[in-house]
Amino acid sequence: MLNQQTLNGPAEFTGVGLHSGNRVNLTILPAPANSGVRFRRVDLEGKPEIEARVENVTETNRSTTIAKGNVKIHTVEHVLAALAGFGIDNAIIELDSNEPPIGDGSSREFTKIIEAAGIAPQAEKREAFTPSEPIELESGETLMTLFPDDGFKITCTSADKRGRFTQFYSVELTPKTWEKELAHARTFCFFEEIELLIKNNLIKGGCLENAIVIRDDAVLTTEPLRYPEEFVRHKILDIVGDLSLVGKPIRGHLIAVKPGHATNCEFARLIVAQMNKPLRAAQTFGPPPTNGNGAHGQASVRRNVVMNIEEVQKLLPHRYPMLMIDCITALEDNRIEAVKNVTINEEFFLGHFPGHPIMPGVLQLEAMAQAAGLLMLKRGEAGPHLAYFMAADSVKWRKPVLPGDVLVIEAEIVKVRGKIAKAKGTCKVGDEIVSEAEITFMLLPQSE
């Protein structure tokens, strides 16, 4: 398929969530070309959306959860697998709860409603990712390696820690093989895991009608196994859904041993990192791209400036070398986007790994705090205030930030209680998250 695809019309399904147990109505809608796949919570004010991208993954305990701020969608992998299996590039998945319906534990119901709605080709070309060199991940007993290939082939081995029900399966993913060989494989768990899952407030909607339970050498299910290798085929189904979070079709042969959601998503991050390498190399070593007016590529960012440096300095007390924001490119009630151009002239490069300059992670954290504080200051109407940084939680530094990078800082207010606010912050280079944190700060009146 050379062109992008979406649905021909709405696709609807109602059921309960596996882990939440909530009743949920799901509708998959067509979407414009180049918009990708995103989830929309129609039960929440403003109908917030979350892009189906790996940078939005927040939890991988027994399923894959994506989030933005305090808005979450749990167990996204089965519906994403159905869209990826049919080669659908653009769609909006509407939900009136926090988790898609589990159906029978497979992707069968999603497959049915997509087929019933029909698939519509779009004029824009599809851009697939082919690895330039093998990508490898080793984590505990899990091994994953992706080699270049003309299609997308997955070869997988699964087993539990005691070596029970070891299975092997290999398949090249096409719409036909997806519908016939993978879509009907159901989720499963081991009997001894159930008590722990219940204690962790999971599988509230679980039953033998939507999951297979393995007890010792017995398989507990309401119907015979649908495939001789149903367990490993479901592992492949999960891989298809989780790896769709890279945002592009993959052209490669993936070999996976004992995969799981955590390693699938970590592997997706490795794919995105290689995907972005040419862009970062061009930014670092090549001349800036130009737009139709002959202006440098950075000018395309500045065209969207909503607050320039002079306006930023009117609200923030920070000055060189501690001012981590050059301009604001988006400003909403609860969200802000800022830009920091990282250059070799920064003072911190003199002492932070001389000869191998890397922006200190604590300064990326400071940039998030400044952006979040600026957002709250802009919202305030009680005169001049200062935003005091109080705490940082769930801090992660994923990739180094180098001279020549354009750091995009995003912050979203998730809670306000009196003078204290909490925000979710991320720093990105291109489309790749390089650091993230949850930030708590306090607003106090500025002394005369």
Protein backbone atom coordinates (compact mmCIF):
# COMPACT_ATOMS: atom_id res chain seq x y z
CA MET A 1 0.00 0.00 0.00
CA LEU A 2 1.62 3.22 -1.17
CA ASN A 3 -1.00 5.67 0.09
CA GLN A 4 -2.34 6.45 3.54
CA GLN A 5 -5.68 5.03 4.65
CA THR A 6 -8.51 5.84 7.02
CA LEU A 7 -11.98 4.42 7.67
CA ASN A 8 -14.82 4.89 5.24
CA GLY A 9 -17.24 5.67 8.07
CA PRO A 10 -17.78 5.32 11.84
CA ALA A 11 -17.12 1.95 13.51
CA GLU A 12 -18.87 1.37 16.85
CA PHE A 13 -18.58 -1.17 19.66
CA THR A 14 -19.83 -1.31 23.28
CA GLY A 15 -18.51 -3.45 26.13
CA VAL A 16 -16.57 -3.39 29.41
CA GLY A 17 -12.92 -2.57 30.09
CA LEU A 18 -10.71 -5.50 31.16
CA HIS A 19 -8.94 -3.76 34.03
CA SER A 20 -11.39 -0.97 34.92
CA GLY A 21 -14.58 -3.01 34.56
CA ASN A 22 -16.31 0.16 33.31
CA ARG A 23 -19.03 0.08 30.67
CA VAL A 24 -17.71 1.93 27.60
CA ASN A 25 -18.90 2.99 24.17
CA LEU A 26 -16.18 3.14 21.51
CA THR A 27 -16.43 4.78 18.09
CA ILE A 28 -13.61 4.83 15.55
CA LEU A 29 -13.95 7.78 13.17
CA PRO A 30 -12.21 8.66 9.89
CA ALA A 31 -9.43 11.25 10.18
CA PRO A 32 -7.55 13.49 7.73
CA ALA A 33 -4.29 12.39 6.13
CA ASN A 34 -1.11 12.94 8.16
CA SER A 35 -3.10 13.27 11.41
CA GLY A 36 -2.21 9.81 12.74
CA VAL A 37 -4.21 7.87 15.32
CA ARG A 38 -5.49 9.56 18.46
CA PHE A 39 -7.85 8.80 21.33
CA ARG A 40 -10.59 11.24 22.38
CA ARG A 41 -12.27 11.14 25.82
CA VAL A 42 -15.80 12.36 25.04
CA ASP A 43 -16.83 11.88 28.69
CA LEU A 44 -14.49 14.65 29.89
CA GLU A 45 -14.86 18.41 29.59
CA GLY A 46 -13.27 19.73 26.43
CA LYS A 47 -13.06 16.20 24.95
CA PRO A 48 -9.27 15.96 25.43
CA GLU A 49 -7.23 13.96 22.94
CA ILE A 50 -4.12 11.81 23.34
CA GLU A 51 -1.99 10.91 20.33
CA ALA A 52 -1.19 7.21 19.98
CA ARG A 53 2.56 7.82 20.24
CA VAL A 54 5.13 6.06 22.41
CA GLU A 55 6.15 9.33 24.07
CA ASN A 56 2.69 9.34 25.69
CA VAL A 57 3.08 5.88 27.24
CA THR A 58 3.00 6.11 31.04
CA GLU A 59 2.28 2.56 32.28
CA THR A 60 3.00 -0.94 30.97
CA ASN A 61 1.79 -3.17 33.80
CA ARG A 62 -0.18 -5.97 32.10
CA SER A 63 -1.32 -3.55 29.37
CA THR A 64 -0.26 -0.30 27.70
CA THR A 65 -1.53 3.01 29.06
CA ILE A 66 -1.11 6.39 27.38
CA ALA A 67 -1.72 9.73 29.08
CA LYS A 68 -1.53 13.49 28.82
CA GLY A 69 -1.65 15.34 32.10
CA ASN A 70 -4.27 13.62 34.24
CA VAL A 71 -6.16 12.17 31.24
CA LYS A 72 -5.46 8.47 30.69
CA ILE A 73 -6.45 5.66 28.34
CA HIS A 74 -5.68 2.12 29.51
CA THR A 75 -5.25 -1.07 27.45
CA VAL A 76 -4.87 0.61 24.06
CA GLU A 77 -2.96 -2.22 22.36
CA HIS A 78 -5.83 -4.37 21.03
CA VAL A 79 -7.66 -1.62 19.15
CA LEU A 80 -4.35 -0.17 17.90
CA ALA A 81 -3.34 -3.61 16.66
CA ALA A 82 -6.55 -3.87 14.62
CA LEU A 83 -5.91 -0.51 12.96
CA ALA A 84 -2.26 -1.35 12.26
CA GLY A 85 -3.17 -4.83 11.02
CA PHE A 86 -5.42 -3.33 8.35
CA GLY A 87 -2.87 -0.63 7.51
CA ILE A 88 -4.98 2.29 8.75
CA ASP A 89 -2.82 5.37 9.25
CA ASN A 90 -5.34 7.99 10.41
CA ALA A 91 -8.26 7.57 12.83
CA ILE A 92 -9.90 9.09 15.91
CA ILE A 93 -10.92 6.64 18.63
CA GLU A 94 -13.69 8.13 20.78
CA LEU A 95 -14.35 6.69 24.25
CA ASP A 96 -16.72 7.62 27.06
CA SER A 97 -14.53 5.93 29.68
CA ASN A 98 -10.85 5.36 30.41
CA GLU A 99 -10.37 2.03 28.59
CA PRO A 100 -11.56 0.45 25.32
CA PRO A 101 -13.91 -2.53 25.70
CA ILE A 102 -12.05 -5.83 26.01
CA GLY A 103 -14.52 -7.83 23.91
CA ASP A 104 -13.48 -11.47 24.03
CA GLY A 105 -9.87 -10.66 24.93
CA SER A 106 -8.67 -10.50 21.33
CA SER A 107 -8.97 -7.93 18.54
CA ARG A 108 -11.86 -9.81 16.91
CA GLU A 109 -14.57 -7.21 17.63
CA PHE A 110 -12.41 -4.30 16.49
CA THR A 111 -11.58 -6.20 13.33
CA LYS A 112 -15.27 -6.81 12.63
CA ILE A 113 -16.35 -3.19 13.03
CA ILE A 114 -13.45 -1.91 10.91
CA GLU A 115 -14.33 -4.35 8.13
CA ALA A 116 -17.99 -3.30 8.37
CA ALA A 117 -17.11 0.41 8.18
CA GLY A 118 -14.76 -0.11 5.24
CA ILE A 119 -11.33 1.29 4.53
CA ALA A 120 -10.83 4.46 2.47
CA PRO A 121 -7.59 5.28 0.61
CA GLN A 122 -6.23 8.82 0.89
CA ALA A 123 -4.29 10.86 -1.64
CA GLU A 124 -1.21 11.43 0.52
CA LYS A 125 1.70 8.98 0.28
CA ARG A 126 2.50 6.65 3.16
CA GLU A 127 5.95 6.99 4.72
CA ALA A 128 7.22 3.74 6.22
CA PHE A 129 10.26 3.20 8.44
CA THR A 130 13.02 0.76 7.44
CA PRO A 131 15.85 0.42 9.97
CA SER A 132 19.21 1.57 8.64
CA GLU A 133 20.90 -0.99 10.90
CA PRO A 134 19.65 -3.70 13.27
CA ILE A 135 17.95 -2.45 16.45
CA GLU A 136 18.47 -4.61 19.52
CA LEU A 137 17.07 -4.76 23.04
CA GLU A 138 17.97 -7.15 25.86
CA SER A 139 16.10 -6.84 29.15
CA GLY A 140 16.08 -9.73 31.60
CA GLU A 141 14.84 -12.79 29.72
CA THR A 142 13.52 -10.68 26.83
CA LEU A 143 15.41 -10.31 23.56
CA MET A 144 14.17 -8.22 20.62
CA THR A 145 15.97 -7.50 17.35
CA LEU A 146 14.67 -5.71 14.25
CA PHE A 147 16.36 -6.26 10.87
CA PRO A 148 15.57 -4.43 7.61
CA ASP A 149 13.03 -6.21 5.40
CA ASP A 150 10.64 -5.48 2.53
CA GLY A 151 7.53 -6.12 4.66
CA PHE A 152 6.79 -6.43 8.37
CA LYS A 153 7.53 -9.94 9.64
CA ILE A 154 7.37 -10.99 13.30
CA THR A 155 8.97 -14.15 14.63
CA CYS A 156 8.20 -14.75 18.30
CA THR A 157 8.80 -17.26 21.10
CA SER A 158 6.83 -17.06 24.36
CA ALA A 159 6.94 -18.99 27.64
CA ASP A 160 6.41 -18.30 31.31
CA LYS A 161 9.23 -18.29 33.88
CA ARG A 162 8.77 -22.02 34.47
CA GLY A 163 8.94 -22.81 30.76
CA ARG A 164 5.30 -23.87 30.49
CA PHE A 165 3.43 -23.64 27.21
CA THR A 166 6.50 -22.58 25.25
CA GLN A 167 5.28 -21.61 21.78
CA PHE A 168 6.80 -20.33 18.54
CA TYR A 169 5.16 -18.57 15.62
CA SER A 170 6.28 -16.50 12.64
CA VAL A 171 4.09 -14.41 10.34
CA GLU A 172 4.36 -11.60 7.81
CA LEU A 173 1.81 -8.95 8.69
CA THR A 174 -0.67 -8.11 5.93
CA PRO A 175 -4.40 -7.28 6.17
CA LYS A 176 -5.15 -10.87 5.18
CA THR A 177 -2.80 -12.54 7.69
CA TRP A 178 -3.89 -10.10 10.39
CA GLU A 179 -7.57 -11.03 10.02
CA LYS A 180 -6.93 -14.76 9.68
CA GLU A 181 -3.87 -15.54 11.80
CA LEU A 182 -3.68 -12.97 14.62
CA ALA A 183 -6.87 -10.97 15.26
CA HIS A 184 -8.70 -13.77 17.12
CA ALA A 185 -5.90 -14.72 19.57
CA ARG A 186 -7.11 -14.05 23.12
CA THR A 187 -5.27 -12.61 26.10
CA PHE A 188 -4.23 -15.04 28.82
CA CYS A 189 -2.82 -15.19 32.32
CA PHE A 190 -1.62 -17.80 34.81
CA PHE A 191 -3.85 -18.77 37.73
CA GLU A 192 -1.26 -17.84 40.34
CA GLU A 193 -1.15 -14.28 38.96
CA ILE A 194 -4.85 -13.58 39.50
CA GLU A 195 -4.66 -12.76 43.23
CA LEU A 196 -1.85 -10.24 42.65
CA LEU A 197 -3.73 -8.66 39.74
CA ILE A 198 -6.84 -8.22 41.90
CA LYS A 199 -4.76 -6.73 44.74
CA ASN A 200 -3.32 -4.24 42.23
CA ASN A 201 -6.87 -3.15 41.33
CA LEU A 202 -6.69 -4.79 37.88
CA ILE A 203 -8.87 -7.22 35.83
CA LYS A 204 -12.12 -5.87 37.33
CA GLY A 205 -13.82 -6.75 34.04
CA GLY A 206 -11.97 -10.04 33.57
CA CYS A 207 -13.73 -13.41 33.18
CA LEU A 208 -13.32 -16.63 31.22
CA GLU A 209 -15.30 -15.06 28.39
CA ASN A 210 -12.53 -12.52 27.72
CA ALA A 211 -9.35 -14.23 28.91
CA ILE A 212 -7.76 -17.67 29.01
CA VAL A 213 -6.49 -18.85 32.41
CA ILE A 214 -3.68 -21.38 32.65
CA ARG A 215 -3.62 -23.48 35.85
CA ASP A 216 -0.72 -25.90 36.08
CA ASP A 217 -1.02 -27.87 32.83
CA ALA A 218 -4.73 -27.13 32.34
CA VAL A 219 -6.19 -24.45 30.08
CA LEU A 220 -9.39 -22.88 31.46
CA THR A 221 -11.53 -21.35 28.71
CA THR A 222 -15.15 -21.23 27.59
CA GLU A 223 -14.23 -22.59 24.14
CA PRO A 224 -11.39 -24.60 22.58
CA LEU A 225 -8.19 -22.80 21.70
CA ARG A 226 -8.63 -20.91 18.44
CA TYR A 227 -5.07 -21.59 17.26
CA PRO A 228 -2.56 -24.28 18.28
CA GLU A 229 -0.22 -21.43 19.26
CA GLU A 230 -2.85 -18.99 20.56
CA PHE A 231 -0.66 -17.65 23.39
CA VAL A 232 2.31 -16.64 21.26
CA ARG A 233 -0.03 -15.30 18.57
CA HIS A 234 -1.57 -13.00 21.18
CA LYS A 235 1.96 -11.88 22.11
CA ILE A 236 2.46 -10.96 18.44
CA LEU A 237 -0.91 -9.15 18.46
CA ASP A 238 0.32 -7.08 21.41
CA ILE A 239 3.58 -6.34 19.58
CA VAL A 240 1.64 -5.07 16.55
CA GLY A 241 -0.40 -2.74 18.76
CA ASP A 242 2.50 -1.49 20.89
CA LEU A 243 4.86 -0.91 17.96
CA SER A 244 2.17 1.05 16.11
CA LEU A 245 3.00 3.75 18.67
CA VAL A 246 6.08 4.68 16.61
CA GLY A 247 3.63 6.47 14.30
CA LYS A 248 4.75 4.85 11.03
CA PRO A 249 4.45 1.42 9.40
CA ILE A 250 7.57 -0.68 9.95
CA ARG A 251 9.47 -2.45 7.20
CA GLY A 252 11.56 -5.03 8.99
CA HIS A 253 11.82 -8.52 10.45
CA LEU A 254 11.35 -8.51 14.23
CA ILE A 255 12.63 -11.46 16.24
CA ALA A 256 11.24 -11.46 19.80
CA VAL A 257 11.86 -13.83 22.71
CA LYS A 258 9.54 -13.54 25.73
CA PRO A 259 8.22 -10.03 24.90
CA GLY A 260 5.90 -7.96 27.10
CA HIS A 261 4.32 -4.53 27.07
CA ALA A 262 7.21 -2.85 28.92
CA THR A 263 9.84 -4.16 26.50
CA ASN A 264 7.59 -3.60 23.47
CA CYS A 265 7.27 0.08 24.36
CA GLU A 266 10.96 0.43 25.18
CA PHE A 267 11.75 -1.12 21.81
CA ALA A 268 9.36 1.35 20.16
CA ARG A 269 11.41 4.16 21.75
CA LEU A 270 14.57 2.68 20.24
CA ILE A 271 12.90 2.63 16.82
CA VAL A 272 11.84 6.27 17.20
CA ALA A 273 15.40 7.18 18.24
CA GLN A 274 16.83 5.67 15.05
CA MET A 275 14.00 7.20 13.04
CA ASN A 276 14.98 10.66 14.28
CA LYS A 277 18.74 10.26 13.75
CA PRO A 278 18.81 11.72 10.21
CA LEU A 279 16.79 14.73 11.40
CA ARG A 280 19.11 15.38 14.33
CA ALA A 281 22.19 14.96 12.14
CA ALA A 282 20.78 17.46 9.67
CA GLN A 283 20.06 19.92 12.48
CA THR A 284 23.54 19.55 13.96
CA PHE A 285 25.80 19.32 10.91
CA GLY A 286 23.81 20.79 8.03
CA PRO A 287 22.54 24.25 7.18
CA PRO A 288 19.05 25.09 8.47
CA PRO A 289 16.27 24.21 6.02
CA THR A 290 14.59 27.11 4.27
CA ASN A 291 10.95 27.85 3.67
CA GLY A 292 9.43 29.25 0.52
CA ASN A 293 10.44 32.79 1.48
CA GLY A 294 14.09 31.88 1.82
CA ALA A 295 13.97 32.15 5.62
CA HIS A 296 15.74 29.60 7.80
CA GLY A 297 13.76 26.68 9.19
CA GLN A 298 13.87 28.23 12.66
CA ALA A 299 11.80 31.11 11.30
CA SER A 300 8.92 28.69 10.81
CA VAL A 301 8.95 28.19 14.60
CA ARG A 302 9.16 31.93 15.27
CA ARG A 303 6.18 32.66 13.01
CA ASN A 304 4.05 31.02 15.71
CA VAL A 305 5.50 33.02 18.61
CA VAL A 306 2.79 34.17 21.02
CA MET A 307 5.18 35.68 23.58
CA ASN A 308 8.62 37.00 22.66
CA ILE A 309 11.61 37.20 25.00
CA GLU A 310 10.75 40.72 26.18
CA GLU A 311 7.26 39.59 27.21
CA VAL A 312 8.69 36.49 28.91
CA GLN A 313 11.09 38.63 30.96
CA LYS A 314 8.23 40.80 32.19
CA LEU A 315 6.82 37.76 34.02
CA LEU A 316 9.91 35.68 34.87
CA PRO A 317 12.65 37.12 37.11
CA HIS A 318 15.32 34.84 35.59
CA ARG A 319 18.10 36.30 33.44
CA TYR A 320 21.13 34.94 31.59
CA PRO A 321 22.53 32.38 32.19
CA MET A 322 19.53 30.98 34.10
CA LEU A 323 16.71 31.97 31.76
CA MET A 324 15.84 28.71 29.97
CA ILE A 325 13.12 30.05 27.67
CA ASP A 326 13.61 32.07 24.46
CA CYS A 327 9.95 32.41 23.45
CA ILE A 328 6.46 30.93 23.87
CA THR A 329 4.94 29.24 20.81
CA ALA A 330 1.62 28.05 22.32
CA LEU A 331 -0.38 29.27 25.31
CA GLU A 332 -3.71 27.83 26.42
CA ASP A 333 -5.60 27.78 29.72
CA ASN A 334 -3.78 24.70 31.02
CA ARG A 335 -0.96 24.17 28.53
CA ILE A 336 2.14 26.02 27.38
CA GLU A 337 4.81 25.34 24.77
CA ALA A 338 8.15 27.13 24.91
CA VAL A 339 11.37 27.03 22.89
CA LYS A 340 14.99 27.06 24.01
CA ASN A 341 17.69 27.22 21.33
CA VAL A 342 20.68 25.32 22.67
CA THR A 343 24.01 26.72 21.42
CA ILE A 344 27.67 25.98 22.16
CA ASN A 345 27.89 29.47 23.70
CA GLU A 346 25.97 28.35 26.81
CA GLU A 347 28.14 28.81 29.93
CA PHE A 348 27.33 25.36 31.29
CA PHE A 349 29.10 23.70 28.32
CA LEU A 350 32.41 25.04 29.69
CA GLY A 351 32.33 22.61 32.60
CA HIS A 352 29.72 19.96 31.74
CA PHE A 353 31.62 17.20 29.94
CA PRO A 354 34.20 19.45 28.20
CA GLY A 355 34.96 18.00 24.77
CA HIS A 356 31.59 16.20 24.78
CA PRO A 357 29.03 18.96 25.45
CA ILE A 358 25.69 17.80 26.85
CA MET A 359 23.01 20.04 28.35
CA PRO A 360 22.67 19.22 32.07
CA GLY A 361 19.47 17.36 32.90
CA VAL A 362 18.81 19.64 35.88
CA LEU A 363 18.62 22.60 33.51
CA GLN A 364 16.06 20.79 31.38
CA LEU A 365 14.11 20.31 34.62
CA GLU A 366 14.53 24.02 35.32
CA ALA A 367 13.20 24.81 31.83
CA MET A 368 10.06 22.74 32.55
CA ALA A 369 9.61 24.51 35.89
CA GLN A 370 10.00 27.94 34.28
CA ALA A 371 7.45 27.08 31.58
CA ALA A 372 4.94 25.76 34.15
CA GLY A 373 5.47 28.78 36.39
CA LEU A 374 5.06 31.12 33.45
CA LEU A 375 1.77 29.43 32.55
CA MET A 376 0.43 29.97 36.07
CA LEU A 377 1.71 33.55 36.19
CA LYS A 378 0.00 34.29 32.89
CA ARG A 379 -3.27 32.88 34.26
CA GLY A 380 -3.08 34.95 37.45
CA GLU A 381 -4.88 38.24 37.87
CA ALA A 382 -3.71 39.27 41.37
CA GLY A 383 -0.70 41.37 40.46
CA PRO A 384 3.01 40.44 40.29
CA HIS A 385 3.89 37.01 41.67
CA LEU A 386 6.88 34.67 41.72
CA ALA A 387 6.70 30.92 41.02
CA TYR A 388 8.79 28.96 43.54
CA PHE A 389 9.89 25.46 42.49
CA MET A 390 8.91 23.03 45.32
CA ALA A 391 9.32 19.44 44.10
CA ALA A 392 9.94 17.19 41.11
CA ASP A 393 8.63 13.62 40.80
CA SER A 394 8.87 10.88 38.16
CA VAL A 395 11.86 12.62 36.60
CA LYS A 396 13.29 10.83 33.54
CA TRP A 397 16.14 11.83 31.25
CA ARG A 398 15.93 9.78 28.10
CA LYS A 399 18.31 11.28 25.52
CA PRO A 400 21.21 13.78 25.57
CA VAL A 401 20.58 17.35 24.41
CA LEU A 402 23.43 18.70 22.29
CA PRO A 403 24.53 22.08 20.91
CA GLY A 404 22.41 22.89 17.86
CA ASP A 405 19.28 21.23 19.26
CA VAL A 406 16.03 23.17 19.49
CA LEU A 407 14.52 22.24 22.84
CA VAL A 408 10.71 22.37 22.88
CA ILE A 409 9.40 22.58 26.45
CA GLU A 410 5.79 21.61 27.12
CA ALA A 411 3.95 21.94 30.44
CA GLU A 412 0.36 21.14 31.34
CA ILE A 413 -1.27 22.08 34.63
CA VAL A 414 -2.87 18.99 36.16
CA LYS A 415 -3.86 20.26 39.64
CA VAL A 416 -4.25 23.61 41.39
CA ARG A 417 -4.96 23.94 45.10
CA GLY A 418 -4.76 27.45 46.43
CA LYS A 419 -1.26 28.82 45.83
CA ILE A 420 0.18 25.40 44.97
CA ALA A 421 0.05 23.89 41.48
CA LYS A 422 1.25 20.66 39.89
CA ALA A 423 2.23 20.31 36.25
CA LYS A 424 3.36 17.60 33.85
CA GLY A 425 6.41 18.75 31.90
CA THR A 426 8.29 17.36 28.90
CA CYS A 427 11.27 18.46 26.85
CA LYS A 428 11.47 17.37 23.22
CA VAL A 429 13.97 17.55 20.39
CA GLY A 430 12.03 17.06 17.17
CA ASP A 431 9.28 14.55 18.00
CA GLU A 432 11.39 12.71 20.57
CA ILE A 433 10.97 13.20 24.31
CA VAL A 434 14.39 13.77 25.88
CA SER A 435 13.23 14.41 29.48
CA GLU A 436 10.04 14.58 31.52
CA ALA A 437 8.90 15.27 35.08
CA GLU A 438 5.97 16.09 37.35
CA ILE A 439 6.60 19.51 38.90
CA THR A 440 5.11 21.11 42.01
CA PHE A 441 5.49 24.84 42.65
CA MET A 442 3.99 27.69 44.66
CA LEU A 443 2.92 31.19 43.65
CA LEU A 444 3.71 33.96 46.12
CA PRO A 445 3.30 37.75 45.76
CA GLN A 446 6.44 39.48 44.54
CA SER A 447 7.95 41.69 47.22
CA GLU A 448 7.93 45.42 46.52
